[in-house]
């Protein structure tokens, strides 16, 4: 298959899955395997398209990010959510990622780990739906520092390939007392600094694999992921409160079975 078509397909996959609780890593490995797009070039490509997904969140929430830095923004400024919430939500996973980065890359990036993580994440999501307490945070501006830290601690699970950053943080948000939309929106807000750090480190290490001739390939994947991620993030916030996490959890279990059959066997 033409590499530009592969780039378009994988860009769609990245955009669809990065901010849903279904594991973008698992999907990219599975689809990449089916398309025969693997190896170091494919790994570098995945880093590039993740940058596209990151840009989508920056575009959607630029006013919120600027307000956290006390810059003047257009419209009504946000009052309650502050930069401390973001720091508390980011620090645990950032520390875990830095300490375990080499171990994760060398020991945990395996198909078997992804399968186990997909199922473990599904179990956590089902548990969160059943065990969550009454919602005390109806919007991100209602979140307490304790709730932000709790979500940040759950985000540490996302350093395990296949667990899903969105799945772990939204589950943590529900268990901490945030409603579905609030948990998802805070998950988006703390995604950018985490992904900048993790993806930035991978990008630096992958730069020597970049070639000018690959620019069209990377550009197609980047902008496709950006456009699709923007659409999915907005839609996800609108429907999550109605459908909950269980449907995504069951999907993850089916995906784990497919992953095992296609990639491992």
C-alpha atoms as a PDB file:
ATOM      1  CA  UNK A   1       0.000   0.000   0.000  1.00  0.00           C
ATOM      2  CA  UNK A   2       1.205   3.526  -0.756  1.00  0.00           C
ATOM      3  CA  UNK A   3       2.892   5.072   2.290  1.00  0.00           C
ATOM      4  CA  UNK A   4       0.881   8.288   1.962  1.00  0.00           C
ATOM      5  CA  UNK A   5      -2.343   6.295   2.257  1.00  0.00           C
ATOM      6  CA  UNK A   6      -0.888   4.484   5.270  1.00  0.00           C
ATOM      7  CA  UNK A   7      -0.033   7.871   6.804  1.00  0.00           C
ATOM      8  CA  UNK A   8      -3.616   9.045   6.288  1.00  0.00           C
ATOM      9  CA  UNK A   9      -5.071   5.874   7.844  1.00  0.00           C
ATOM     10  CA  UNK A  10      -2.759   5.983  10.865  1.00  0.00           C
ATOM     11  CA  UNK A  11      -3.437   9.700  11.293  1.00  0.00           C
ATOM     12  CA  UNK A  12      -7.131   8.896  11.536  1.00  0.00           C
ATOM     13  CA  UNK A  13      -6.424   6.101  14.025  1.00  0.00           C
ATOM     14  CA  UNK A  14      -4.290   8.396  16.195  1.00  0.00           C
ATOM     15  CA  UNK A  15      -6.847  11.206  16.102  1.00  0.00           C
ATOM     16  CA  UNK A  16      -9.702   8.840  16.929  1.00  0.00           C
ATOM     17  CA  UNK A  17      -8.012   7.122  19.847  1.00  0.00           C
ATOM     18  CA  UNK A  18      -5.624   9.568  21.557  1.00  0.00           C
ATOM     19  CA  UNK A  19      -8.283  11.189  23.765  1.00  0.00           C
ATOM     20  CA  UNK A  20     -10.661   8.238  24.043  1.00  0.00           C
ATOM     21  CA  UNK A  21     -10.151   5.661  26.822  1.00  0.00           C
ATOM     22  CA  UNK A  22      -9.201   2.906  24.372  1.00  0.00           C
ATOM     23  CA  UNK A  23      -5.374   3.097  24.073  1.00  0.00           C
ATOM     24  CA  UNK A  24      -3.953   4.870  21.042  1.00  0.00           C
ATOM     25  CA  UNK A  25      -0.748   2.833  21.436  1.00  0.00           C
ATOM     26  CA  UNK A  26      -2.608  -0.454  21.105  1.00  0.00           C
ATOM     27  CA  UNK A  27      -4.472   0.732  18.032  1.00  0.00           C
ATOM     28  CA  UNK A  28      -1.379   2.101  16.293  1.00  0.00           C
ATOM     29  CA  UNK A  29       0.554  -1.122  16.882  1.00  0.00           C
ATOM     30  CA  UNK A  30      -2.380  -3.232  15.671  1.00  0.00           C
ATOM     31  CA  UNK A  31      -3.161  -1.185  12.564  1.00  0.00           C
ATOM     32  CA  UNK A  32       0.526  -0.665  11.779  1.00  0.00           C
ATOM     33  CA  UNK A  33       1.026  -4.427  11.938  1.00  0.00           C
ATOM     34  CA  UNK A  34      -1.922  -5.036   9.617  1.00  0.00           C
ATOM     35  CA  UNK A  35      -0.572  -2.468   7.136  1.00  0.00           C
ATOM     36  CA  UNK A  36       2.997  -3.751   7.365  1.00  0.00           C
ATOM     37  CA  UNK A  37       4.213  -0.373   8.617  1.00  0.00           C
ATOM     38  CA  UNK A  38       6.645  -1.192  11.416  1.00  0.00           C
ATOM     39  CA  UNK A  39      10.222  -0.478  12.463  1.00  0.00           C
ATOM     40  CA  UNK A  40      12.050   2.701  13.473  1.00  0.00           C
ATOM     41  CA  UNK A  41      10.504   4.829  10.728  1.00  0.00           C
ATOM     42  CA  UNK A  42       7.053   3.823  11.940  1.00  0.00           C
ATOM     43  CA  UNK A  43       8.024   4.613  15.542  1.00  0.00           C
ATOM     44  CA  UNK A  44       9.212   8.087  14.522  1.00  0.00           C
ATOM     45  CA  UNK A  45       6.025   8.597  12.525  1.00  0.00           C
ATOM     46  CA  UNK A  46       3.948   7.799  15.626  1.00  0.00           C
ATOM     47  CA  UNK A  47       5.792  10.520  17.539  1.00  0.00           C
ATOM     48  CA  UNK A  48       5.028  13.051  14.799  1.00  0.00           C
ATOM     49  CA  UNK A  49       1.309  12.287  14.618  1.00  0.00           C
ATOM     50  CA  UNK A  50       1.014  12.495  18.402  1.00  0.00           C
ATOM     51  CA  UNK A  51       2.216  16.080  18.043  1.00  0.00           C
ATOM     52  CA  UNK A  52      -0.781  16.628  15.756  1.00  0.00           C
ATOM     53  CA  UNK A  53      -3.151  15.383  18.443  1.00  0.00           C
ATOM     54  CA  UNK A  54      -1.439  17.638  20.978  1.00  0.00           C
ATOM     55  CA  UNK A  55      -1.957  20.657  18.746  1.00  0.00           C
ATOM     56  CA  UNK A  56      -5.688  19.896  18.661  1.00  0.00           C
ATOM     57  CA  UNK A  57      -5.959  20.265  22.445  1.00  0.00           C
ATOM     58  CA  UNK A  58      -3.891  23.453  22.383  1.00  0.00           C
ATOM     59  CA  UNK A  59      -6.240  24.958  19.798  1.00  0.00           C
ATOM     60  CA  UNK A  60      -9.360  23.886  21.702  1.00  0.00           C
ATOM     61  CA  UNK A  61      -8.153  25.130  25.087  1.00  0.00           C
ATOM     62  CA  UNK A  62      -5.787  27.998  24.314  1.00  0.00           C
ATOM     63  CA  UNK A  63      -7.906  30.503  26.238  1.00  0.00           C
ATOM     64  CA  UNK A  64      -7.980  28.261  29.281  1.00  0.00           C
ATOM     65  CA  UNK A  65      -4.204  27.729  29.182  1.00  0.00           C
ATOM     66  CA  UNK A  66      -3.577  31.458  28.803  1.00  0.00           C
ATOM     67  CA  UNK A  67      -5.897  32.229  31.714  1.00  0.00           C
ATOM     68  CA  UNK A  68      -3.905  29.841  33.894  1.00  0.00           C
ATOM     69  CA  UNK A  69      -0.845  31.956  33.143  1.00  0.00           C
ATOM     70  CA  UNK A  70      -2.787  35.145  33.936  1.00  0.00           C
ATOM     71  CA  UNK A  71      -2.606  36.486  30.389  1.00  0.00           C
ATOM     72  CA  UNK A  72      -5.474  38.617  29.166  1.00  0.00           C
ATOM     73  CA  UNK A  73      -7.898  36.552  27.100  1.00  0.00           C
ATOM     74  CA  UNK A  74     -10.898  37.301  24.967  1.00  0.00           C
ATOM     75  CA  UNK A  75     -14.174  36.791  26.768  1.00  0.00           C
ATOM     76  CA  UNK A  76     -14.836  35.971  30.413  1.00  0.00           C
ATOM     77  CA  UNK A  77     -11.671  34.817  32.231  1.00  0.00           C
ATOM     78  CA  UNK A  78     -11.694  31.525  34.085  1.00  0.00           C
ATOM     79  CA  UNK A  79     -11.585  32.013  37.844  1.00  0.00           C
ATOM     80  CA  UNK A  80     -11.380  28.778  39.836  1.00  0.00           C
ATOM     81  CA  UNK A  81      -9.167  26.291  38.053  1.00  0.00           C
ATOM     82  CA  UNK A  82      -5.579  27.436  38.494  1.00  0.00           C
ATOM     83  CA  UNK A  83      -2.098  26.319  37.530  1.00  0.00           C
ATOM     84  CA  UNK A  84      -1.715  24.401  40.801  1.00  0.00           C
ATOM     85  CA  UNK A  85      -4.469  22.011  39.703  1.00  0.00           C
ATOM     86  CA  UNK A  86      -2.554  21.346  36.486  1.00  0.00           C
ATOM     87  CA  UNK A  87       0.742  20.854  38.323  1.00  0.00           C
ATOM     88  CA  UNK A  88      -0.864  18.390  40.738  1.00  0.00           C
ATOM     89  CA  UNK A  89      -2.401  16.537  37.813  1.00  0.00           C
ATOM     90  CA  UNK A  90       0.879  16.370  35.896  1.00  0.00           C
ATOM     91  CA  UNK A  91       3.680  15.869  38.436  1.00  0.00           C
ATOM     92  CA  UNK A  92       3.017  12.210  39.450  1.00  0.00           C
ATOM     93  CA  UNK A  93       3.015  10.856  35.887  1.00  0.00           C
ATOM     94  CA  UNK A  94       5.860  13.168  34.862  1.00  0.00           C
ATOM     95  CA  UNK A  95       8.058  11.808  37.663  1.00  0.00           C
ATOM     96  CA  UNK A  96       7.056   8.221  36.898  1.00  0.00           C
ATOM     97  CA  UNK A  97       7.754   8.747  33.207  1.00  0.00           C
ATOM     98  CA  UNK A  98      11.180  10.260  33.783  1.00  0.00           C
ATOM     99  CA  UNK A  99      12.269   7.613  36.276  1.00  0.00           C
ATOM    100  CA  UNK A 100      10.916   4.663  34.297  1.00  0.00           C
ATOM    101  CA  UNK A 101      11.371   5.936  30.712  1.00  0.00           C
ATOM    102  CA  UNK A 102      14.174   3.592  29.681  1.00  0.00           C
ATOM    103  CA  UNK A 103      12.607   0.620  31.473  1.00  0.00           C
ATOM    104  CA  UNK A 104       9.266   1.282  29.794  1.00  0.00           C
ATOM    105  CA  UNK A 105      10.807   1.550  26.331  1.00  0.00           C
ATOM    106  CA  UNK A 106      12.980  -1.551  26.672  1.00  0.00           C
ATOM    107  CA  UNK A 107      10.846  -3.839  28.830  1.00  0.00           C
ATOM    108  CA  UNK A 108       7.183  -2.833  28.585  1.00  0.00           C
ATOM    109  CA  UNK A 109       6.739  -2.037  24.904  1.00  0.00           C
ATOM    110  CA  UNK A 110       5.702  -5.562  23.989  1.00  0.00           C
ATOM    111  CA  UNK A 111       2.454  -6.945  22.519  1.00  0.00           C
ATOM    112  CA  UNK A 112       1.804  -9.089  25.606  1.00  0.00           C
ATOM    113  CA  UNK A 113       2.035  -6.075  27.915  1.00  0.00           C
ATOM    114  CA  UNK A 114      -0.392  -4.168  25.681  1.00  0.00           C
ATOM    115  CA  UNK A 115      -2.935  -7.017  25.817  1.00  0.00           C
ATOM    116  CA  UNK A 116      -2.755  -7.237  29.612  1.00  0.00           C
ATOM    117  CA  UNK A 117      -2.977  -3.440  29.922  1.00  0.00           C
ATOM    118  CA  UNK A 118      -6.008  -3.247  27.657  1.00  0.00           C
ATOM    119  CA  UNK A 119      -7.866  -5.724  29.870  1.00  0.00           C
ATOM    120  CA  UNK A 120      -6.626  -4.225  33.149  1.00  0.00           C
ATOM    121  CA  UNK A 121      -7.700  -0.765  32.002  1.00  0.00           C
ATOM    122  CA  UNK A 122     -11.116  -2.110  31.043  1.00  0.00           C
ATOM    123  CA  UNK A 123     -11.557  -3.599  34.516  1.00  0.00           C
ATOM    124  CA  UNK A 124     -10.594  -0.269  36.123  1.00  0.00           C
ATOM    125  CA  UNK A 125     -13.116   1.605  33.974  1.00  0.00           C
ATOM    126  CA  UNK A 126     -15.946  -0.818  34.807  1.00  0.00           C
ATOM    127  CA  UNK A 127     -15.033  -0.555  38.506  1.00  0.00           C
ATOM    128  CA  UNK A 128     -15.001   3.249  38.338  1.00  0.00           C
ATOM    129  CA  UNK A 129     -18.471   3.298  36.803  1.00  0.00           C
ATOM    130  CA  UNK A 130     -19.849   1.058  39.542  1.00  0.00           C
ATOM    131  CA  UNK A 131     -17.960   2.428  42.549  1.00  0.00           C
ATOM    132  CA  UNK A 132     -17.840   6.169  41.951  1.00  0.00           C
ATOM    133  CA  UNK A 133     -19.349   8.320  44.658  1.00  0.00           C
ATOM    134  CA  UNK A 134     -21.696  11.289  44.348  1.00  0.00           C
ATOM    135  CA  UNK A 135     -20.299  13.931  42.033  1.00  0.00           C
ATOM    136  CA  UNK A 136     -18.926  16.992  43.812  1.00  0.00           C
ATOM    137  CA  UNK A 137     -17.242  18.520  40.769  1.00  0.00           C
ATOM    138  CA  UNK A 138     -19.713  19.385  38.026  1.00  0.00           C
ATOM    139  CA  UNK A 139     -17.155  21.450  36.076  1.00  0.00           C
ATOM    140  CA  UNK A 140     -13.354  21.650  36.069  1.00  0.00           C
ATOM    141  CA  UNK A 141     -13.666  24.872  38.085  1.00  0.00           C
ATOM    142  CA  UNK A 142     -15.202  22.835  40.921  1.00  0.00           C
ATOM    143  CA  UNK A 143     -12.206  20.490  41.217  1.00  0.00           C
ATOM    144  CA  UNK A 144     -10.305  20.597  44.504  1.00  0.00           C
ATOM    145  CA  UNK A 145      -6.546  20.234  44.736  1.00  0.00           C
ATOM    146  CA  UNK A 146      -7.054  16.789  46.279  1.00  0.00           C
ATOM    147  CA  UNK A 147      -9.172  15.684  43.337  1.00  0.00           C
ATOM    148  CA  UNK A 148      -6.611  17.028  40.864  1.00  0.00           C
ATOM    149  CA  UNK A 149      -3.848  15.104  42.644  1.00  0.00           C
ATOM    150  CA  UNK A 150      -5.929  11.927  42.713  1.00  0.00           C
ATOM    151  CA  UNK A 151      -6.451  12.147  38.956  1.00  0.00           C
ATOM    152  CA  UNK A 152      -2.731  12.809  38.555  1.00  0.00           C
ATOM    153  CA  UNK A 153      -1.885   9.683  40.536  1.00  0.00           C
ATOM    154  CA  UNK A 154      -4.169   7.578  38.356  1.00  0.00           C
ATOM    155  CA  UNK A 155      -2.443   9.037  35.314  1.00  0.00           C
ATOM    156  CA  UNK A 156       0.714   7.191  36.414  1.00  0.00           C
ATOM    157  CA  UNK A 157      -0.939   4.005  35.141  1.00  0.00           C
ATOM    158  CA  UNK A 158      -0.746   5.455  31.639  1.00  0.00           C
ATOM    159  CA  UNK A 159       3.034   4.999  31.512  1.00  0.00           C
ATOM    160  CA  UNK A 160       2.242   1.319  30.887  1.00  0.00           C
ATOM    161  CA  UNK A 161       1.697   0.843  27.117  1.00  0.00           C
ATOM    162  CA  UNK A 162      -1.903  -0.028  26.330  1.00  0.00           C
ATOM    163  CA  UNK A 163      -3.384   1.196  29.615  1.00  0.00           C
ATOM    164  CA  UNK A 164      -4.634   4.475  28.118  1.00  0.00           C
ATOM    165  CA  UNK A 165      -4.011   7.874  29.633  1.00  0.00           C
ATOM    166  CA  UNK A 166      -7.617   8.928  29.092  1.00  0.00           C
ATOM    167  CA  UNK A 167      -8.947   5.700  30.578  1.00  0.00           C
ATOM    168  CA  UNK A 168      -6.859   5.966  33.724  1.00  0.00           C
ATOM    169  CA  UNK A 169      -7.457   9.679  34.331  1.00  0.00           C
ATOM    170  CA  UNK A 170     -11.202   9.616  33.654  1.00  0.00           C
ATOM    171  CA  UNK A 171     -11.573   6.570  35.915  1.00  0.00           C
ATOM    172  CA  UNK A 172      -9.586   8.372  38.593  1.00  0.00           C
ATOM    173  CA  UNK A 173     -11.763  11.434  38.159  1.00  0.00           C
ATOM    174  CA  UNK A 174     -14.966   9.455  38.654  1.00  0.00           C
ATOM    175  CA  UNK A 175     -13.582   7.793  41.779  1.00  0.00           C
ATOM    176  CA  UNK A 176     -12.481  11.206  43.079  1.00  0.00           C
ATOM    177  CA  UNK A 177     -15.972  12.680  42.693  1.00  0.00           C
ATOM    178  CA  UNK A 178     -15.847  14.417  39.313  1.00  0.00           C
ATOM    179  CA  UNK A 179     -18.597  13.794  36.795  1.00  0.00           C
ATOM    180  CA  UNK A 180     -17.809  12.266  33.413  1.00  0.00           C
ATOM    181  CA  UNK A 181     -17.450  15.504  31.469  1.00  0.00           C
ATOM    182  CA  UNK A 182     -15.338  17.175  34.168  1.00  0.00           C
ATOM    183  CA  UNK A 183     -13.029  14.164  34.439  1.00  0.00           C
ATOM    184  CA  UNK A 184     -12.611  14.047  30.651  1.00  0.00           C
ATOM    185  CA  UNK A 185     -12.013  17.775  30.298  1.00  0.00           C
ATOM    186  CA  UNK A 186      -9.408  17.812  33.062  1.00  0.00           C
ATOM    187  CA  UNK A 187      -7.843  14.770  31.405  1.00  0.00           C
ATOM    188  CA  UNK A 188      -7.513  16.820  28.212  1.00  0.00           C
ATOM    189  CA  UNK A 189      -6.015  19.794  30.056  1.00  0.00           C
ATOM    190  CA  UNK A 190      -3.304  17.774  31.783  1.00  0.00           C
ATOM    191  CA  UNK A 191      -2.646  15.762  28.622  1.00  0.00           C
ATOM    192  CA  UNK A 192      -0.777  18.558  26.857  1.00  0.00           C
ATOM    193  CA  UNK A 193       2.091  19.058  29.346  1.00  0.00           C
ATOM    194  CA  UNK A 194       2.474  15.299  29.827  1.00  0.00           C
ATOM    195  CA  UNK A 195       2.514  14.627  26.090  1.00  0.00           C
ATOM    196  CA  UNK A 196       4.860  17.544  25.421  1.00  0.00           C
ATOM    197  CA  UNK A 197       7.345  16.021  27.848  1.00  0.00           C
ATOM    198  CA  UNK A 198       7.012  12.397  26.750  1.00  0.00           C
ATOM    199  CA  UNK A 199       6.678  13.043  23.035  1.00  0.00           C
ATOM    200  CA  UNK A 200       9.333  15.753  23.092  1.00  0.00           C
ATOM    201  CA  UNK A 201      11.845  13.332  24.599  1.00  0.00           C
ATOM    202  CA  UNK A 202      10.985  10.664  22.027  1.00  0.00           C
ATOM    203  CA  UNK A 203      11.182  13.250  19.245  1.00  0.00           C
ATOM    204  CA  UNK A 204      14.693  14.318  20.248  1.00  0.00           C
ATOM    205  CA  UNK A 205      15.819  10.703  20.284  1.00  0.00           C
ATOM    206  CA  UNK A 206      14.192  10.073  16.887  1.00  0.00           C
ATOM    207  CA  UNK A 207      15.464  13.160  15.049  1.00  0.00           C
ATOM    208  CA  UNK A 208      18.298  11.323  13.314  1.00  0.00           C
ATOM    209  CA  UNK A 209      15.708   9.070  11.661  1.00  0.00           C
ATOM    210  CA  UNK A 210      14.009  12.051  10.003  1.00  0.00           C
ATOM    211  CA  UNK A 211      14.687  12.671   6.322  1.00  0.00           C
ATOM    212  CA  UNK A 212      13.469  15.440   4.036  1.00  0.00           C
ATOM    213  CA  UNK A 213      12.004  12.857   1.675  1.00  0.00           C
ATOM    214  CA  UNK A 214       9.661  11.696   4.452  1.00  0.00           C
ATOM    215  CA  UNK A 215       8.168  15.164   4.994  1.00  0.00           C
ATOM    216  CA  UNK A 216       4.967  14.507   2.953  1.00  0.00           C
ATOM    217  CA  UNK A 217       4.398  11.263   4.876  1.00  0.00           C
ATOM    218  CA  UNK A 218       4.785  12.964   8.252  1.00  0.00           C
ATOM    219  CA  UNK A 219       2.756  16.007   7.199  1.00  0.00           C
ATOM    220  CA  UNK A 220      -0.206  13.897   6.074  1.00  0.00           C
ATOM    221  CA  UNK A 221      -0.221  11.972   9.344  1.00  0.00           C
ATOM    222  CA  UNK A 222       0.258  15.108  11.463  1.00  0.00           C
ATOM    223  CA  UNK A 223      -2.570  17.166   9.966  1.00  0.00           C
ATOM    224  CA  UNK A 224      -4.932  14.199   9.729  1.00  0.00           C
ATOM    225  CA  UNK A 225      -4.394  13.396  13.409  1.00  0.00           C
ATOM    226  CA  UNK A 226      -4.872  17.078  14.298  1.00  0.00           C
ATOM    227  CA  UNK A 227      -8.202  17.425  12.471  1.00  0.00           C
ATOM    228  CA  UNK A 228      -9.644  14.119  13.666  1.00  0.00           C
ATOM    229  CA  UNK A 229      -8.510  14.640  17.283  1.00  0.00           C
ATOM    230  CA  UNK A 230     -10.245  18.031  17.420  1.00  0.00           C
ATOM    231  CA  UNK A 231     -13.516  16.539  16.199  1.00  0.00           C
ATOM    232  CA  UNK A 232     -13.327  13.501  18.495  1.00  0.00           C
ATOM    233  CA  UNK A 233     -12.436  15.510  21.615  1.00  0.00           C
ATOM    234  CA  UNK A 234     -15.440  17.818  21.190  1.00  0.00           C
ATOM    235  CA  UNK A 235     -17.819  14.934  20.419  1.00  0.00           C
ATOM    236  CA  UNK A 236     -16.490  12.824  23.292  1.00  0.00           C
ATOM    237  CA  UNK A 237     -17.228  15.550  25.836  1.00  0.00           C
ATOM    238  CA  UNK A 238     -20.804  15.781  24.567  1.00  0.00           C
ATOM    239  CA  UNK A 239     -21.615  12.063  24.719  1.00  0.00           C
ATOM    240  CA  UNK A 240     -19.526  10.654  27.582  1.00  0.00           C
ATOM    241  CA  UNK A 241     -22.020  11.575  30.300  1.00  0.00           C
ATOM    242  CA  UNK A 242     -24.754   9.751  28.388  1.00  0.00           C
ATOM    243  CA  UNK A 243     -22.923   6.546  27.488  1.00  0.00           C
ATOM    244  CA  UNK A 244     -20.386   6.215  30.331  1.00  0.00           C
ATOM    245  CA  UNK A 245     -17.160   4.225  30.288  1.00  0.00           C
ATOM    246  CA  UNK A 246     -18.515   0.691  30.092  1.00  0.00           C
ATOM    247  CA  UNK A 247     -18.961   0.695  26.331  1.00  0.00           C
ATOM    248  CA  UNK A 248     -15.301   1.649  25.933  1.00  0.00           C
ATOM    249  CA  UNK A 249     -14.267  -0.977  28.486  1.00  0.00           C
ATOM    250  CA  UNK A 250     -16.022  -3.771  26.582  1.00  0.00           C
ATOM    251  CA  UNK A 251     -14.501  -2.494  23.348  1.00  0.00           C
ATOM    252  CA  UNK A 252     -11.035  -2.705  24.943  1.00  0.00           C
ATOM    253  CA  UNK A 253     -11.604  -6.367  25.810  1.00  0.00           C
ATOM    254  CA  UNK A 254     -12.585  -7.126  22.209  1.00  0.00           C
ATOM    255  CA  UNK A 255      -9.540  -5.170  21.027  1.00  0.00           C
ATOM    256  CA  UNK A 256      -7.290  -7.181  23.366  1.00  0.00           C
ATOM    257  CA  UNK A 257      -8.541 -10.415  21.806  1.00  0.00           C
ATOM    258  CA  UNK A 258      -7.973  -9.075  18.273  1.00  0.00           C
ATOM    259  CA  UNK A 259      -4.548  -7.804  19.275  1.00  0.00           C
ATOM    260  CA  UNK A 260      -3.596 -11.203  20.654  1.00  0.00           C
ATOM    261  CA  UNK A 261      -4.789 -13.055  17.563  1.00  0.00           C
ATOM    262  CA  UNK A 262      -3.333 -10.680  14.973  1.00  0.00           C
ATOM    263  CA  UNK A 263      -0.124  -9.438  16.577  1.00  0.00           C
ATOM    264  CA  UNK A 264       0.973 -12.152  19.012  1.00  0.00           C
ATOM    265  CA  UNK A 265      -0.160 -15.479  17.537  1.00  0.00           C
END
